[in-house]
């Protein structure tokens, strides 16, 4: 599987960004610029992921 992805990347394939994804990233960046105090630290994110890793 990894070999296949490596071959795809080696050919220079770069997918076009999805407009909806770009809009969501812009929205999140604007929200952060408006209130950076709401940002989580790396440790907070890691703790959240570890706590919820097996809760699917």
N, C-alpha and C. Protein backbone atom coordinates (compact mmCIF):
# COMPACT_ATOMS: atom_id res chain seq x y z
N UNK A 1 0.82 -1.18 0.00
CA UNK A 1 0.00 0.00 0.00
C UNK A 1 0.87 1.25 0.00
N UNK A 2 1.86 1.28 0.89
CA UNK A 2 2.72 2.46 0.97
C UNK A 2 3.52 2.64 -0.32
N UNK A 3 3.90 1.54 -0.93
CA UNK A 3 4.65 1.62 -2.18
C UNK A 3 3.79 2.29 -3.27
N UNK A 4 2.51 1.96 -3.29
CA UNK A 4 1.60 2.57 -4.26
C UNK A 4 1.53 4.08 -4.06
N UNK A 5 1.37 4.52 -2.81
CA UNK A 5 1.33 5.97 -2.53
C UNK A 5 2.64 6.63 -2.91
N UNK A 6 3.76 5.96 -2.64
CA UNK A 6 5.06 6.52 -3.02
C UNK A 6 5.15 6.69 -4.53
N UNK A 7 4.65 5.70 -5.28
CA UNK A 7 4.67 5.80 -6.74
C UNK A 7 3.79 6.95 -7.23
N UNK A 8 2.64 7.11 -6.62
CA UNK A 8 1.75 8.21 -7.01
C UNK A 8 2.43 9.55 -6.75
N UNK A 9 3.04 9.69 -5.59
CA UNK A 9 3.71 10.94 -5.25
C UNK A 9 4.92 11.19 -6.14
N UNK A 10 5.64 10.13 -6.48
CA UNK A 10 6.83 10.26 -7.34
C UNK A 10 6.48 10.77 -8.73
N UNK A 11 5.25 10.53 -9.18
CA UNK A 11 4.84 11.00 -10.51
C UNK A 11 4.50 12.49 -10.49
N UNK A 12 4.50 13.09 -9.31
CA UNK A 12 4.21 14.52 -9.20
C UNK A 12 2.74 14.84 -9.05
N UNK A 13 1.92 13.82 -8.80
CA UNK A 13 0.48 14.04 -8.66
C UNK A 13 0.19 14.91 -7.45
N UNK A 14 -0.56 15.96 -7.67
CA UNK A 14 -1.00 16.82 -6.58
C UNK A 14 -2.48 17.11 -6.79
N UNK A 15 -3.32 16.60 -5.90
CA UNK A 15 -4.75 16.81 -6.08
C UNK A 15 -5.11 18.28 -5.92
N UNK A 16 -6.13 18.70 -6.63
CA UNK A 16 -6.62 20.07 -6.48
C UNK A 16 -7.36 20.17 -5.15
N UNK A 17 -7.14 21.27 -4.42
CA UNK A 17 -7.86 21.42 -3.16
C UNK A 17 -9.36 21.58 -3.41
N UNK A 18 -10.14 20.94 -2.58
CA UNK A 18 -11.59 21.03 -2.67
C UNK A 18 -12.03 22.43 -2.22
N UNK A 19 -12.86 23.12 -2.99
CA UNK A 19 -13.31 24.47 -2.60
C UNK A 19 -13.99 24.50 -1.24
N UNK A 20 -14.75 23.47 -0.90
CA UNK A 20 -15.41 23.44 0.41
C UNK A 20 -14.37 23.34 1.53
N UNK A 21 -13.33 22.56 1.31
CA UNK A 21 -12.27 22.44 2.30
C UNK A 21 -11.54 23.77 2.46
N UNK A 22 -11.23 24.42 1.36
CA UNK A 22 -10.56 25.72 1.43
C UNK A 22 -11.43 26.74 2.17
N UNK A 23 -12.73 26.73 1.92
CA UNK A 23 -13.64 27.64 2.62
C UNK A 23 -13.66 27.36 4.11
N UNK A 24 -13.66 26.08 4.48
CA UNK A 24 -13.65 25.72 5.91
C UNK A 24 -12.34 26.14 6.57
N UNK A 25 -11.23 25.97 5.89
CA UNK A 25 -9.94 26.40 6.45
C UNK A 25 -9.91 27.91 6.62
N UNK A 26 -10.44 28.64 5.64
CA UNK A 26 -10.51 30.10 5.75
C UNK A 26 -11.39 30.51 6.93
N UNK A 27 -12.52 29.82 7.11
CA UNK A 27 -13.43 30.12 8.22
C UNK A 27 -12.73 29.90 9.56
N UNK A 28 -12.02 28.79 9.67
CA UNK A 28 -11.33 28.49 10.92
C UNK A 28 -10.20 29.48 11.20
N UNK A 29 -9.48 29.86 10.16
CA UNK A 29 -8.41 30.84 10.33
C UNK A 29 -8.98 32.18 10.77
N UNK A 30 -10.09 32.59 10.19
CA UNK A 30 -10.73 33.85 10.58
C UNK A 30 -11.23 33.78 12.02
N UNK A 31 -11.79 32.64 12.42
CA UNK A 31 -12.25 32.47 13.80
C UNK A 31 -11.08 32.56 14.77
N UNK A 32 -9.97 31.98 14.40
CA UNK A 32 -8.78 32.06 15.26
C UNK A 32 -8.26 33.49 15.34
N UNK A 33 -8.23 34.18 14.21
CA UNK A 33 -7.76 35.57 14.21
C UNK A 33 -8.67 36.45 15.06
N UNK A 34 -9.96 36.16 15.07
CA UNK A 34 -10.91 36.95 15.85
C UNK A 34 -10.78 36.69 17.35
N UNK A 35 -10.40 35.46 17.73
CA UNK A 35 -10.29 35.13 19.16
C UNK A 35 -9.25 34.03 19.37
N UNK A 36 -7.95 34.41 19.33
CA UNK A 36 -6.90 33.40 19.48
C UNK A 36 -6.87 32.73 20.85
N UNK A 37 -7.55 33.30 21.84
CA UNK A 37 -7.55 32.70 23.17
C UNK A 37 -8.29 31.36 23.20
N UNK A 38 -9.07 31.07 22.18
CA UNK A 38 -9.81 29.81 22.12
C UNK A 38 -8.97 28.66 21.58
N UNK A 39 -7.77 28.94 21.13
CA UNK A 39 -6.90 27.90 20.58
C UNK A 39 -6.47 26.93 21.67
N UNK A 40 -6.32 25.67 21.29
CA UNK A 40 -5.85 24.65 22.22
C UNK A 40 -4.34 24.48 22.06
N UNK A 41 -3.70 24.14 23.16
CA UNK A 41 -2.27 23.84 23.09
C UNK A 41 -2.10 22.44 22.51
N UNK A 42 -0.89 22.14 22.11
CA UNK A 42 -0.58 20.81 21.59
C UNK A 42 -0.91 19.75 22.64
N UNK A 43 -0.53 20.01 23.88
CA UNK A 43 -0.79 19.05 24.95
C UNK A 43 -2.29 18.82 25.16
N UNK A 44 -3.10 19.86 25.04
CA UNK A 44 -4.54 19.70 25.18
C UNK A 44 -5.10 18.81 24.06
N UNK A 45 -4.61 19.01 22.87
CA UNK A 45 -5.07 18.21 21.74
C UNK A 45 -4.66 16.75 21.92
N UNK A 46 -3.42 16.52 22.30
CA UNK A 46 -2.93 15.15 22.50
C UNK A 46 -3.72 14.47 23.61
N UNK A 47 -3.96 15.17 24.71
CA UNK A 47 -4.75 14.60 25.81
C UNK A 47 -6.16 14.22 25.34
N UNK A 48 -6.78 15.09 24.56
CA UNK A 48 -8.12 14.83 24.05
C UNK A 48 -8.13 13.58 23.15
N UNK A 49 -7.16 13.49 22.27
CA UNK A 49 -7.08 12.34 21.36
C UNK A 49 -6.86 11.06 22.15
N UNK A 50 -5.98 11.10 23.11
CA UNK A 50 -5.70 9.90 23.90
C UNK A 50 -6.92 9.46 24.71
N UNK A 51 -7.65 10.41 25.27
CA UNK A 51 -8.83 10.07 26.06
C UNK A 51 -9.94 9.47 25.20
N UNK A 52 -10.05 9.94 23.97
CA UNK A 52 -11.16 9.54 23.11
C UNK A 52 -10.78 8.56 22.01
N UNK A 53 -9.59 8.05 22.06
CA UNK A 53 -9.08 7.19 21.00
C UNK A 53 -9.93 5.94 20.78
N UNK A 54 -10.40 5.34 21.83
CA UNK A 54 -11.11 4.07 21.70
C UNK A 54 -12.61 4.22 21.97
N UNK A 55 -13.11 5.41 21.87
CA UNK A 55 -14.54 5.66 22.14
C UNK A 55 -15.34 5.74 20.85
N UNK A 56 -15.07 4.88 19.90
CA UNK A 56 -15.80 4.93 18.63
C UNK A 56 -16.96 3.98 18.64
